Amino acid sequence: MSQTEPHRGESESTLQGVELRMAANPTQLSIVRAVAADIAMRQDFDLDSIEDLKLAVDEACSTLIALAAPEAVLSARFVVTDGVVQVSTQVASKRSSPPDRDSFGWRVLSALVDSVTTWVAPQAGDDEYVVHIDLVKRGLVDA
């Protein structure tokens, strides 16, 4: 499932999780992949689901890095609720349009997670925008 609208629900102040902030640089991807894998393991995801989340986070962050403004900071926030991992990623960009949802990378990303959402918001007082990609990955439910 691919959407272009932000999630509605709990306010950010009521959510708890882990947030990484790093230079929007490909050399930082191994860190965010490792955190995604660790969180999925702690939720008892099976090996395939762990790898899917890790690859999806990598693809989302890689996509944002390609869109990032010079010297931008990439943010990746992980929230776990009832065996569901929600990942919210964002970066400042000079582009006012979301990532290309017709690209091969986007199709792969969409196949790896239960839902993916993207949108762009203007950054206050600047000619930059904030590009968001949010992912949801559910662990396997016992039958």
Protein backbone atom coordinates (compact mmCIF):
# COMPACT_ATOMS: atom_id res chain seq x y z
CA MET A 1 0.00 0.00 0.00
CA SER A 2 1.40 3.36 -0.97
CA GLN A 3 -0.07 6.67 0.11
CA THR A 4 0.83 10.32 -0.13
CA GLU A 5 -0.85 11.67 3.01
CA PRO A 6 0.59 11.80 6.54
CA HIS A 7 -0.67 9.42 9.21
CA ARG A 8 -3.28 10.79 11.56
CA GLY A 9 -3.45 9.61 15.15
CA GLU A 10 -1.58 10.01 18.38
CA SER A 11 0.33 13.21 18.96
CA GLU A 12 4.09 12.95 18.86
CA SER A 13 4.30 13.74 22.56
CA THR A 14 2.47 10.50 23.44
CA LEU A 15 4.74 8.28 21.33
CA GLN A 16 7.97 6.79 22.57
CA GLY A 17 10.75 5.32 20.52
CA VAL A 18 14.24 5.69 19.20
CA GLU A 19 15.30 8.54 16.93
CA LEU A 20 18.52 8.72 14.95
CA ARG A 21 19.75 11.99 13.49
CA MET A 22 22.69 11.79 11.13
CA ALA A 23 24.27 13.48 8.16
CA ALA A 24 22.30 12.75 4.99
CA ASN A 25 25.17 10.72 3.63
CA PRO A 26 25.24 7.12 2.32
CA THR A 27 28.08 6.28 4.72
CA GLN A 28 25.54 6.51 7.58
CA LEU A 29 23.17 3.86 6.18
CA SER A 30 24.80 0.96 8.02
CA ILE A 31 23.87 2.57 11.35
CA VAL A 32 20.17 2.93 10.54
CA ARG A 33 20.06 -0.61 9.09
CA ALA A 34 21.59 -2.01 12.27
CA VAL A 35 19.05 -0.21 14.47
CA ALA A 36 16.15 -1.42 12.28
CA ALA A 37 17.39 -5.02 12.50
CA ASP A 38 17.89 -4.82 16.27
CA ILE A 39 14.40 -3.43 16.86
CA ALA A 40 12.83 -6.11 14.63
CA MET A 41 14.76 -8.85 16.46
CA ARG A 42 13.59 -7.55 19.84
CA GLN A 43 10.01 -7.81 18.53
CA ASP A 44 10.60 -11.47 17.63
CA PHE A 45 10.19 -10.87 13.90
CA ASP A 46 11.20 -13.89 11.82
CA LEU A 47 14.42 -13.68 9.81
CA ASP A 48 12.66 -12.73 6.57
CA SER A 49 10.72 -9.92 8.27
CA ILE A 50 13.88 -8.61 9.93
CA GLU A 51 15.62 -8.50 6.56
CA ASP A 52 12.57 -6.89 4.92
CA LEU A 53 12.49 -4.09 7.50
CA LYS A 54 16.23 -3.56 7.24
CA LEU A 55 16.08 -3.31 3.44
CA ALA A 56 13.01 -1.06 3.52
CA VAL A 57 14.65 1.36 5.95
CA ASP A 58 17.77 1.35 3.78
CA GLU A 59 15.72 2.12 0.66
CA ALA A 60 13.71 4.88 2.36
CA CYS A 61 16.84 6.54 3.74
CA SER A 62 18.70 6.14 0.44
CA THR A 63 15.80 7.80 -1.35
CA LEU A 64 15.82 10.71 1.09
CA ILE A 65 19.60 11.08 0.88
CA ALA A 66 19.29 11.46 -2.90
CA LEU A 67 16.76 14.28 -2.35
CA ALA A 68 18.58 15.98 0.55
CA ALA A 69 19.66 19.59 0.54
CA PRO A 70 23.39 20.21 1.09
CA GLU A 71 24.40 19.66 4.72
CA ALA A 72 20.95 18.24 5.57
CA VAL A 73 20.30 16.02 8.57
CA LEU A 74 18.44 12.75 8.02
CA SER A 75 16.10 11.70 10.82
CA ALA A 76 14.82 8.15 11.36
CA ARG A 77 12.41 7.50 14.21
CA PHE A 78 11.36 3.99 15.27
CA VAL A 79 8.22 3.42 17.36
CA VAL A 80 7.04 -0.05 18.39
CA THR A 81 3.44 -0.72 19.37
CA ASP A 82 1.99 -4.22 19.83
CA GLY A 83 4.51 -5.95 17.54
CA VAL A 84 4.23 -3.26 14.85
CA VAL A 85 7.30 -1.21 13.95
CA GLN A 86 6.61 2.27 12.61
CA VAL A 87 9.52 4.09 11.02
CA SER A 88 9.30 7.80 10.25
CA THR A 89 12.11 9.23 8.15
CA GLN A 90 12.61 12.79 6.95
CA VAL A 91 15.14 15.14 5.44
CA ALA A 92 15.31 18.78 4.32
CA SER A 93 15.24 19.16 0.55
CA LYS A 94 15.16 21.86 -2.11
CA ARG A 95 12.50 19.79 -3.93
CA SER A 96 8.84 20.40 -3.30
CA SER A 97 7.73 17.07 -4.76
CA PRO A 98 7.68 13.66 -3.07
CA PRO A 99 9.86 10.73 -4.18
CA ASP A 100 9.00 9.09 -7.50
CA ARG A 101 6.43 6.43 -6.65
CA ASP A 102 6.80 4.87 -10.11
CA SER A 103 10.48 4.02 -9.63
CA PHE A 104 11.80 0.50 -9.17
CA GLY A 105 13.14 1.43 -5.72
CA TRP A 106 9.70 2.61 -4.59
CA ARG A 107 8.09 -0.59 -5.82
CA VAL A 108 10.63 -2.64 -3.88
CA LEU A 109 10.08 -0.49 -0.80
CA SER A 110 6.30 -0.94 -1.05
CA ALA A 111 6.69 -4.71 -1.35
CA LEU A 112 8.84 -5.00 1.78
CA VAL A 113 6.49 -3.33 4.28
CA ASP A 114 2.79 -3.34 5.13
CA SER A 115 2.39 0.33 4.27
CA VAL A 116 4.48 3.24 3.08
CA THR A 117 3.48 6.88 3.09
CA THR A 118 5.27 9.91 1.69
CA TRP A 119 4.60 13.62 1.68
CA VAL A 120 6.38 16.96 1.51
CA ALA A 121 5.87 19.89 3.88
CA PRO A 122 7.24 23.42 3.53
CA GLN A 123 9.93 24.32 6.04
CA ALA A 124 9.03 27.47 7.97
CA GLY A 125 10.87 30.61 6.92
CA ASP A 126 12.97 28.89 4.29
CA ASP A 127 12.91 27.96 0.61
CA GLU A 128 13.42 24.35 1.65
CA TYR A 129 10.95 21.55 2.21
CA VAL A 130 10.87 18.49 4.46
CA VAL A 131 10.39 15.20 2.62
CA HIS A 132 8.88 12.42 4.73
CA ILE A 133 8.72 8.66 4.19
CA ASP A 134 6.91 6.61 6.83
CA LEU A 135 6.88 2.80 6.95
CA VAL A 136 4.85 0.26 8.90
CA LYS A 137 6.01 -3.34 9.29
CA ARG A 138 4.01 -5.90 11.25
CA GLY A 139 5.53 -9.06 12.65
CA LEU A 140 4.00 -12.39 11.76
CA VAL A 141 0.86 -13.17 13.73
CA ASP A 142 0.66 -16.66 15.25
CA ALA A 143 -2.23 -18.64 13.80
